[in-house]
Amino acid sequence: MLDGIVDAVAKSSWAYALIVAVCAFDVVLPFLPSEATVIAAGVLASTGRLTLGFVIVAGAVGAFVGDNGSYLAGRYFGVPATRRLFRRRRARERLAWAERTLEEHGAALVLVSRFIPGGRTATTFTAGLVHFHWLRYVGYTALAGALWGAFAALVGYFGGRTFEQRPWLGLLLALGLAAVIGIGVEGGRRLLRRRAA
């Protein structure tokens, strides 16, 4: 049954549009599984059900649209949205961290935060809130989206190729690898923050 659903989605002309949509709305709704979606699409590309290049482009376009939408929300609706979206203490801490770091390391932060699910929302929104130079921001988010889309799709693709007879095992391995990398980046960030304090 699950294979039938996967086949239906993979053969649908809407598969790539779905990838774009999930990746775009992930910045506003961080519970959407954008990494998992692109990795799963990469696994499907390894079996020939999707085209790898289109998966990478769809992930990159979705990431770019989402990051710039969050920037515009921060820029034009920043103050009221800050009260609503960043009510929790942890969210406020991420927002404060993103604001400080943007001032010091704008390009690096935009690139790295794309790989941190909660961090990208705070960073992209804060970039708009503090009126980070938009033309530079567009360039950074285009590069970040392309790197992120390629990374996630290729993790899924090579995981699927390695486990060609059992692509779901490759998907689980790819998701596990992405989780380990995400946890490692977040752990490194916290360690650096503690040393700086």
C-alpha atoms as a PDB file:
ATOM      1  CA  MET A   1       0.000   0.000   0.000  1.00  0.00           C
ATOM      2  CA  LEU A   2       2.797   2.448   0.974  1.00  0.00           C
ATOM      3  CA  ASP A   3       4.631   1.671  -2.272  1.00  0.00           C
ATOM      4  CA  GLY A   4       1.441   2.447  -4.193  1.00  0.00           C
ATOM      5  CA  ILE A   5       1.151   5.863  -2.514  1.00  0.00           C
ATOM      6  CA  VAL A   6       4.833   6.638  -3.154  1.00  0.00           C
ATOM      7  CA  ASP A   7       4.431   5.623  -6.816  1.00  0.00           C
ATOM      8  CA  ALA A   8       1.353   7.818  -7.195  1.00  0.00           C
ATOM      9  CA  VAL A   9       3.134  10.841  -5.711  1.00  0.00           C
ATOM     10  CA  ALA A  10       6.337  10.206  -7.667  1.00  0.00           C
ATOM     11  CA  LYS A  11       4.498   9.891 -10.982  1.00  0.00           C
ATOM     12  CA  SER A  12       2.362  12.946 -10.316  1.00  0.00           C
ATOM     13  CA  SER A  13       3.192  16.149 -12.153  1.00  0.00           C
ATOM     14  CA  TRP A  14       2.690  17.826  -8.772  1.00  0.00           C
ATOM     15  CA  ALA A  15       5.614  16.035  -7.067  1.00  0.00           C
ATOM     16  CA  TYR A  16       8.096  18.850  -7.695  1.00  0.00           C
ATOM     17  CA  ALA A  17       5.542  21.535  -6.815  1.00  0.00           C
ATOM     18  CA  LEU A  18       4.926  19.702  -3.534  1.00  0.00           C
ATOM     19  CA  ILE A  19       8.671  19.757  -2.778  1.00  0.00           C
ATOM     20  CA  VAL A  20       8.777  23.522  -3.488  1.00  0.00           C
ATOM     21  CA  ALA A  21       5.741  24.145  -1.272  1.00  0.00           C
ATOM     22  CA  VAL A  22       6.979  22.119   1.705  1.00  0.00           C
ATOM     23  CA  CYS A  23      10.421  23.754   1.541  1.00  0.00           C
ATOM     24  CA  ALA A  24       8.947  27.253   1.200  1.00  0.00           C
ATOM     25  CA  PHE A  25       6.493  26.943   4.080  1.00  0.00           C
ATOM     26  CA  ASP A  26       9.014  25.174   6.337  1.00  0.00           C
ATOM     27  CA  VAL A  27      10.531  28.554   7.305  1.00  0.00           C
ATOM     28  CA  VAL A  28       7.170  29.833   8.531  1.00  0.00           C
ATOM     29  CA  LEU A  29       5.970  26.461   9.844  1.00  0.00           C
ATOM     30  CA  PRO A  30       9.143  24.746  11.142  1.00  0.00           C
ATOM     31  CA  PHE A  31       7.286  21.494  11.859  1.00  0.00           C
ATOM     32  CA  LEU A  32       7.044  20.814   8.101  1.00  0.00           C
ATOM     33  CA  PRO A  33       9.605  18.153   7.183  1.00  0.00           C
ATOM     34  CA  SER A  34      11.492  19.937   4.394  1.00  0.00           C
ATOM     35  CA  GLU A  35      14.751  18.019   4.855  1.00  0.00           C
ATOM     36  CA  ALA A  36      12.890  14.718   5.016  1.00  0.00           C
ATOM     37  CA  THR A  37      10.879  15.649   1.925  1.00  0.00           C
ATOM     38  CA  VAL A  38      13.950  16.455  -0.186  1.00  0.00           C
ATOM     39  CA  ILE A  39      15.838  13.420   1.114  1.00  0.00           C
ATOM     40  CA  ALA A  40      12.862  11.165   0.325  1.00  0.00           C
ATOM     41  CA  ALA A  41      12.629  12.716  -3.149  1.00  0.00           C
ATOM     42  CA  GLY A  42      16.355  12.010  -3.574  1.00  0.00           C
ATOM     43  CA  VAL A  43      15.711   8.361  -2.703  1.00  0.00           C
ATOM     44  CA  LEU A  44      12.916   8.286  -5.290  1.00  0.00           C
ATOM     45  CA  ALA A  45      15.322   9.817  -7.827  1.00  0.00           C
ATOM     46  CA  SER A  46      17.764   6.991  -7.159  1.00  0.00           C
ATOM     47  CA  THR A  47      15.081   4.520  -8.244  1.00  0.00           C
ATOM     48  CA  GLY A  48      14.242   6.522 -11.370  1.00  0.00           C
ATOM     49  CA  ARG A  49      10.831   7.658 -10.156  1.00  0.00           C
ATOM     50  CA  LEU A  50      11.918  11.322 -10.004  1.00  0.00           C
ATOM     51  CA  THR A  51      14.698  13.273 -11.730  1.00  0.00           C
ATOM     52  CA  LEU A  52      17.564  14.232  -9.398  1.00  0.00           C
ATOM     53  CA  GLY A  53      18.238  17.607 -11.046  1.00  0.00           C
ATOM     54  CA  PHE A  54      14.594  18.628 -10.702  1.00  0.00           C
ATOM     55  CA  VAL A  55      14.553  17.512  -7.058  1.00  0.00           C
ATOM     56  CA  ILE A  56      17.598  19.692  -6.309  1.00  0.00           C
ATOM     57  CA  VAL A  57      16.080  22.673  -8.145  1.00  0.00           C
ATOM     58  CA  ALA A  58      12.703  22.229  -6.417  1.00  0.00           C
ATOM     59  CA  GLY A  59      14.343  22.070  -2.985  1.00  0.00           C
ATOM     60  CA  ALA A  60      16.539  25.104  -3.726  1.00  0.00           C
ATOM     61  CA  VAL A  61      13.648  27.169  -5.121  1.00  0.00           C
ATOM     62  CA  GLY A  62      11.434  26.311  -2.155  1.00  0.00           C
ATOM     63  CA  ALA A  63      14.198  27.206   0.297  1.00  0.00           C
ATOM     64  CA  PHE A  64      14.861  30.508  -1.509  1.00  0.00           C
ATOM     65  CA  VAL A  65      11.168  31.459  -1.592  1.00  0.00           C
ATOM     66  CA  GLY A  66      10.678  30.550   2.068  1.00  0.00           C
ATOM     67  CA  ASP A  67      13.788  32.383   3.279  1.00  0.00           C
ATOM     68  CA  ASN A  68      12.844  35.539   1.374  1.00  0.00           C
ATOM     69  CA  GLY A  69       9.220  35.331   2.497  1.00  0.00           C
ATOM     70  CA  SER A  70      10.389  35.164   6.099  1.00  0.00           C
ATOM     71  CA  TYR A  71      12.726  38.124   5.473  1.00  0.00           C
ATOM     72  CA  LEU A  72       9.851  40.211   4.065  1.00  0.00           C
ATOM     73  CA  ALA A  73       7.640  39.248   7.004  1.00  0.00           C
ATOM     74  CA  GLY A  74      10.349  40.407   9.400  1.00  0.00           C
ATOM     75  CA  ARG A  75      10.902  43.614   7.516  1.00  0.00           C
ATOM     76  CA  TYR A  76       7.272  44.687   7.136  1.00  0.00           C
ATOM     77  CA  PHE A  77       5.461  42.959  10.003  1.00  0.00           C
ATOM     78  CA  GLY A  78       8.367  42.499  12.397  1.00  0.00           C
ATOM     79  CA  VAL A  79       7.246  43.984  15.665  1.00  0.00           C
ATOM     80  CA  PRO A  80       3.748  42.424  15.935  1.00  0.00           C
ATOM     81  CA  ALA A  81       4.945  39.119  14.477  1.00  0.00           C
ATOM     82  CA  THR A  82       7.849  38.992  16.932  1.00  0.00           C
ATOM     83  CA  ARG A  83       5.401  39.063  19.812  1.00  0.00           C
ATOM     84  CA  ARG A  84       3.337  36.282  18.244  1.00  0.00           C
ATOM     85  CA  LEU A  85       5.964  33.959  16.745  1.00  0.00           C
ATOM     86  CA  PHE A  86       8.713  34.252  19.353  1.00  0.00           C
ATOM     87  CA  ARG A  87       6.739  34.053  22.600  1.00  0.00           C
ATOM     88  CA  ARG A  88       8.600  31.133  24.103  1.00  0.00           C
ATOM     89  CA  ARG A  89      11.862  31.714  25.928  1.00  0.00           C
ATOM     90  CA  ARG A  90      13.845  29.424  23.647  1.00  0.00           C
ATOM     91  CA  ALA A  91      12.484  31.155  20.544  1.00  0.00           C
ATOM     92  CA  ARG A  92      13.390  34.570  21.991  1.00  0.00           C
ATOM     93  CA  GLU A  93      16.919  33.322  22.743  1.00  0.00           C
ATOM     94  CA  ARG A  94      17.323  32.162  19.131  1.00  0.00           C
ATOM     95  CA  LEU A  95      16.044  35.498  17.886  1.00  0.00           C
ATOM     96  CA  ALA A  96      18.512  37.441  20.073  1.00  0.00           C
ATOM     97  CA  TRP A  97      21.364  35.175  18.987  1.00  0.00           C
ATOM     98  CA  ALA A  98      20.471  35.615  15.315  1.00  0.00           C
ATOM     99  CA  GLU A  99      20.339  39.414  15.631  1.00  0.00           C
ATOM    100  CA  ARG A 100      23.763  39.620  17.311  1.00  0.00           C
ATOM    101  CA  THR A 101      25.362  37.204  14.898  1.00  0.00           C
ATOM    102  CA  LEU A 102      23.846  38.846  11.800  1.00  0.00           C
ATOM    103  CA  GLU A 103      25.570  42.077  12.702  1.00  0.00           C
ATOM    104  CA  GLU A 104      28.930  40.309  12.961  1.00  0.00           C
ATOM    105  CA  HIS A 105      28.766  37.461  10.415  1.00  0.00           C
ATOM    106  CA  GLY A 106      25.844  38.069   8.031  1.00  0.00           C
ATOM    107  CA  ALA A 107      26.880  35.902   5.075  1.00  0.00           C
ATOM    108  CA  ALA A 108      28.077  32.929   7.113  1.00  0.00           C
ATOM    109  CA  LEU A 109      25.003  33.011   9.331  1.00  0.00           C
ATOM    110  CA  VAL A 110      22.543  33.013   6.433  1.00  0.00           C
ATOM    111  CA  LEU A 111      24.386  30.076   4.846  1.00  0.00           C
ATOM    112  CA  VAL A 112      24.758  28.001   8.021  1.00  0.00           C
ATOM    113  CA  SER A 113      21.276  28.711   9.394  1.00  0.00           C
ATOM    114  CA  ARG A 114      19.712  27.159   6.282  1.00  0.00           C
ATOM    115  CA  PHE A 115      20.931  23.802   7.659  1.00  0.00           C
ATOM    116  CA  ILE A 116      19.456  24.386  11.163  1.00  0.00           C
ATOM    117  CA  PRO A 117      15.654  23.941  11.153  1.00  0.00           C
ATOM    118  CA  GLY A 118      14.791  26.295  14.053  1.00  0.00           C
ATOM    119  CA  GLY A 119      17.722  28.586  13.386  1.00  0.00           C
ATOM    120  CA  ARG A 120      16.763  29.420   9.814  1.00  0.00           C
ATOM    121  CA  THR A 121      13.369  30.801  10.891  1.00  0.00           C
ATOM    122  CA  ALA A 122      14.915  33.082  13.501  1.00  0.00           C
ATOM    123  CA  THR A 123      17.733  34.172  11.191  1.00  0.00           C
ATOM    124  CA  THR A 124      15.680  34.918   8.098  1.00  0.00           C
ATOM    125  CA  PHE A 125      12.994  36.755  10.068  1.00  0.00           C
ATOM    126  CA  THR A 126      15.599  38.734  12.010  1.00  0.00           C
ATOM    127  CA  ALA A 127      17.428  39.673   8.811  1.00  0.00           C
ATOM    128  CA  GLY A 128      14.257  41.437   7.702  1.00  0.00           C
ATOM    129  CA  LEU A 129      13.560  42.842  11.150  1.00  0.00           C
ATOM    130  CA  VAL A 130      16.991  44.525  11.332  1.00  0.00           C
ATOM    131  CA  HIS A 131      16.797  45.579   7.633  1.00  0.00           C
ATOM    132  CA  PHE A 132      19.814  43.521   6.564  1.00  0.00           C
ATOM    133  CA  HIS A 133      20.796  44.677   3.039  1.00  0.00           C
ATOM    134  CA  TRP A 134      18.311  42.868   0.796  1.00  0.00           C
ATOM    135  CA  LEU A 135      20.404  42.481  -2.374  1.00  0.00           C
ATOM    136  CA  ARG A 136      23.191  40.821  -0.400  1.00  0.00           C
ATOM    137  CA  TYR A 137      20.605  38.727   1.430  1.00  0.00           C
ATOM    138  CA  VAL A 138      19.113  37.508  -1.877  1.00  0.00           C
ATOM    139  CA  GLY A 139      22.533  36.341  -3.042  1.00  0.00           C
ATOM    140  CA  TYR A 140      23.238  34.573   0.237  1.00  0.00           C
ATOM    141  CA  THR A 141      19.852  32.818   0.273  1.00  0.00           C
ATOM    142  CA  ALA A 142      20.222  31.730  -3.362  1.00  0.00           C
ATOM    143  CA  LEU A 143      23.580  30.124  -2.563  1.00  0.00           C
ATOM    144  CA  ALA A 144      22.320  28.649   0.721  1.00  0.00           C
ATOM    145  CA  GLY A 145      19.214  27.204  -0.957  1.00  0.00           C
ATOM    146  CA  ALA A 146      21.256  25.644  -3.758  1.00  0.00           C
ATOM    147  CA  LEU A 147      23.739  24.058  -1.338  1.00  0.00           C
ATOM    148  CA  TRP A 148      20.987  22.844   0.987  1.00  0.00           C
ATOM    149  CA  GLY A 149      18.837  21.435  -1.845  1.00  0.00           C
ATOM    150  CA  ALA A 150      21.821  19.644  -3.390  1.00  0.00           C
ATOM    151  CA  PHE A 151      22.985  18.266  -0.034  1.00  0.00           C
ATOM    152  CA  ALA A 152      19.587  16.877   0.997  1.00  0.00           C
ATOM    153  CA  ALA A 153      18.781  15.454  -2.442  1.00  0.00           C
ATOM    154  CA  LEU A 154      22.214  13.850  -2.824  1.00  0.00           C
ATOM    155  CA  VAL A 155      22.063  12.318   0.665  1.00  0.00           C
ATOM    156  CA  GLY A 156      18.795  10.664  -0.342  1.00  0.00           C
ATOM    157  CA  TYR A 157      20.027   9.764  -3.816  1.00  0.00           C
ATOM    158  CA  PHE A 158      23.232   8.049  -2.727  1.00  0.00           C
ATOM    159  CA  GLY A 159      21.474   6.433   0.230  1.00  0.00           C
ATOM    160  CA  GLY A 160      18.892   5.049  -2.189  1.00  0.00           C
ATOM    161  CA  ARG A 161      21.555   3.859  -4.636  1.00  0.00           C
ATOM    162  CA  THR A 162      23.501   2.132  -1.896  1.00  0.00           C
ATOM    163  CA  PHE A 163      20.374   0.334  -0.729  1.00  0.00           C
ATOM    164  CA  GLU A 164      18.828  -0.179  -4.158  1.00  0.00           C
ATOM    165  CA  GLN A 165      17.028  -3.363  -3.160  1.00  0.00           C
ATOM    166  CA  ARG A 166      15.673  -1.725   0.005  1.00  0.00           C
ATOM    167  CA  PRO A 167      15.340   2.036  -0.702  1.00  0.00           C
ATOM    168  CA  TRP A 168      13.493   2.633   2.576  1.00  0.00           C
ATOM    169  CA  LEU A 169      16.602   1.485   4.447  1.00  0.00           C
ATOM    170  CA  GLY A 170      18.546   4.113   2.480  1.00  0.00           C
ATOM    171  CA  LEU A 171      15.912   6.707   3.387  1.00  0.00           C
ATOM    172  CA  LEU A 172      16.214   5.874   7.083  1.00  0.00           C
ATOM    173  CA  LEU A 173      20.003   6.073   6.896  1.00  0.00           C
ATOM    174  CA  ALA A 174      19.840   9.394   5.022  1.00  0.00           C
ATOM    175  CA  LEU A 175      17.400  10.858   7.563  1.00  0.00           C
ATOM    176  CA  GLY A 176      19.605   9.627  10.397  1.00  0.00           C
ATOM    177  CA  LEU A 177      22.669  11.219   8.785  1.00  0.00           C
ATOM    178  CA  ALA A 178      20.831  14.514   8.311  1.00  0.00           C
ATOM    179  CA  ALA A 179      19.712  14.428  11.956  1.00  0.00           C
ATOM    180  CA  VAL A 180      23.272  13.749  13.169  1.00  0.00           C
ATOM    181  CA  ILE A 181      24.613  16.641  11.079  1.00  0.00           C
ATOM    182  CA  GLY A 182      21.858  18.963  12.349  1.00  0.00           C
ATOM    183  CA  ILE A 183      22.498  17.977  15.957  1.00  0.00           C
ATOM    184  CA  GLY A 184      26.248  18.387  15.432  1.00  0.00           C
ATOM    185  CA  VAL A 185      25.848  21.904  13.994  1.00  0.00           C
ATOM    186  CA  GLU A 186      23.490  22.899  16.813  1.00  0.00           C
ATOM    187  CA  GLY A 187      25.815  21.363  19.437  1.00  0.00           C
ATOM    188  CA  GLY A 188      28.810  23.191  17.966  1.00  0.00           C
ATOM    189  CA  ARG A 189      26.899  26.464  17.978  1.00  0.00           C
ATOM    190  CA  ARG A 190      25.949  26.037  21.642  1.00  0.00           C
ATOM    191  CA  LEU A 191      29.504  25.134  22.589  1.00  0.00           C
ATOM    192  CA  LEU A 192      30.863  28.244  20.863  1.00  0.00           C
ATOM    193  CA  ARG A 193      28.208  30.378  22.543  1.00  0.00           C
ATOM    194  CA  ARG A 194      29.153  29.024  25.992  1.00  0.00           C
ATOM    195  CA  ARG A 195      32.849  29.692  25.382  1.00  0.00           C
ATOM    196  CA  ALA A 196      32.090  33.238  24.254  1.00  0.00           C
ATOM    197  CA  ALA A 197      29.981  33.915  27.378  1.00  0.00           C
END
